[in-house]
Amino acid sequence: MGIPLELISIAENGGDEIIIMPAGEARTPHFGPEPNRLYLADGGTLFSINLDGGDRRDHIHITGPNGTSFRDEAPGAEDVRISPDGKYVLAKVIKQL
């Protein structure tokens, strides 16, 4: 099973860490076009949250082709990231960009 991951915030001058949210399966936190939102990917879905961990917004869901040699259903993207200007999304599906 593994250690549960959390998304945390630490002030630039140090201090206590603040738990923003449990990360679950969400990965690759990054900033995008809105400076007050953090973007993450989970199961092929790119979503964002505000810096307090609330106001989740799903932006796009990306899947690979159906019927690959790995499974009968379309796999979700392994990683999805938004460009800093918000105009583009980069996705990794079945080890391909």
Protein backbone atom coordinates (compact mmCIF):
# COMPACT_ATOMS: atom_id res chain seq x y z
CA MET A 1 0.00 0.00 0.00
CA GLY A 2 2.58 2.70 0.82
CA ILE A 3 2.66 5.93 2.73
CA PRO A 4 -0.28 8.29 2.14
CA LEU A 5 0.92 11.42 0.33
CA GLU A 6 -0.15 14.94 1.20
CA LEU A 7 0.13 18.21 -0.63
CA ILE A 8 1.66 20.70 1.80
CA SER A 9 2.56 24.37 1.91
CA ILE A 10 5.57 25.86 3.67
CA ALA A 11 6.16 29.60 4.02
CA GLU A 12 9.23 30.87 2.19
CA ASN A 13 10.78 31.99 5.48
CA GLY A 14 10.19 28.59 7.13
CA GLY A 15 7.76 27.65 9.82
CA ASP A 16 5.24 24.87 10.13
CA GLU A 17 3.95 22.97 7.14
CA ILE A 18 0.28 23.32 6.33
CA ILE A 19 -1.56 20.37 4.81
CA ILE A 20 -3.45 21.59 1.74
CA MET A 21 -5.06 18.24 0.92
CA PRO A 22 -4.39 14.50 0.82
CA ALA A 23 -2.81 13.85 -2.58
CA GLY A 24 -4.38 10.43 -3.13
CA GLU A 25 -3.37 9.39 -6.64
CA ALA A 26 -2.90 12.98 -7.86
CA ARG A 27 0.59 13.77 -9.10
CA THR A 28 2.73 16.44 -10.75
CA PRO A 29 1.52 19.57 -8.97
CA HIS A 30 2.37 22.66 -11.03
CA PHE A 31 1.24 26.22 -11.60
CA GLY A 32 -0.55 27.27 -14.77
CA PRO A 33 -2.10 30.46 -16.09
CA GLU A 34 -3.81 31.40 -12.82
CA PRO A 35 -1.34 32.28 -10.05
CA ASN A 36 -3.83 31.40 -7.31
CA ARG A 37 -4.48 27.83 -8.55
CA LEU A 38 -2.44 24.64 -8.44
CA TYR A 39 -2.83 22.05 -11.22
CA LEU A 40 -2.57 18.28 -10.72
CA ALA A 41 -3.18 15.12 -12.75
CA ASP A 42 -5.08 12.04 -11.60
CA GLY A 43 -6.07 9.12 -13.83
CA GLY A 44 -5.91 11.15 -17.02
CA THR A 45 -7.81 14.11 -15.58
CA LEU A 46 -6.15 17.51 -15.28
CA PHE A 47 -7.73 19.44 -12.43
CA SER A 48 -6.94 22.52 -10.41
CA ILE A 49 -7.54 23.62 -6.84
CA ASN A 50 -7.16 26.93 -5.09
CA LEU A 51 -4.14 27.30 -2.82
CA ASP A 52 -6.22 26.25 0.20
CA GLY A 53 -7.12 22.93 -1.43
CA GLY A 54 -10.74 23.75 -2.27
CA ASP A 55 -12.72 24.72 -5.36
CA ARG A 56 -11.67 21.72 -7.45
CA ARG A 57 -12.18 22.26 -11.18
CA ASP A 58 -11.76 19.42 -13.70
CA HIS A 59 -10.34 20.83 -16.95
CA ILE A 60 -9.75 17.90 -19.32
CA HIS A 61 -9.73 14.10 -19.32
CA ILE A 62 -7.36 12.36 -21.74
CA THR A 63 -7.35 8.68 -22.65
CA GLY A 64 -5.35 6.51 -25.02
CA PRO A 65 -6.81 4.29 -27.74
CA ASN A 66 -9.26 1.48 -26.91
CA GLY A 67 -8.20 -2.13 -27.26
CA THR A 68 -4.48 -1.82 -26.71
CA SER A 69 -2.52 -4.93 -25.89
CA PHE A 70 -2.59 -3.87 -22.24
CA ARG A 71 -6.36 -3.75 -21.66
CA ASP A 72 -9.74 -3.64 -23.36
CA GLU A 73 -10.69 -0.16 -22.14
CA ALA A 74 -8.94 3.08 -22.96
CA PRO A 75 -6.20 3.88 -20.45
CA GLY A 76 -6.09 7.31 -18.83
CA ALA A 77 -3.09 9.51 -19.41
CA GLU A 78 -0.24 8.83 -16.99
CA ASP A 79 0.58 12.53 -16.75
CA VAL A 80 -1.18 15.72 -17.89
CA ARG A 81 0.25 19.25 -17.58
CA ILE A 82 -0.98 22.66 -18.66
CA SER A 83 1.28 25.29 -20.20
CA PRO A 84 1.99 28.47 -18.22
CA ASP A 85 -0.24 30.50 -20.54
CA GLY A 86 -3.07 27.92 -20.38
CA LYS A 87 -3.25 27.48 -24.17
CA TYR A 88 -1.77 23.96 -24.37
CA VAL A 89 -1.88 20.65 -22.54
CA LEU A 90 0.83 18.01 -22.70
CA ALA A 91 -0.16 14.41 -21.95
CA LYS A 92 1.77 11.17 -21.57
CA VAL A 93 -0.29 8.09 -22.54
CA ILE A 94 1.20 4.60 -22.74
CA LYS A 95 4.69 6.14 -22.50
CA GLN A 96 4.07 8.43 -25.48
CA LEU A 97 3.65 12.23 -25.48
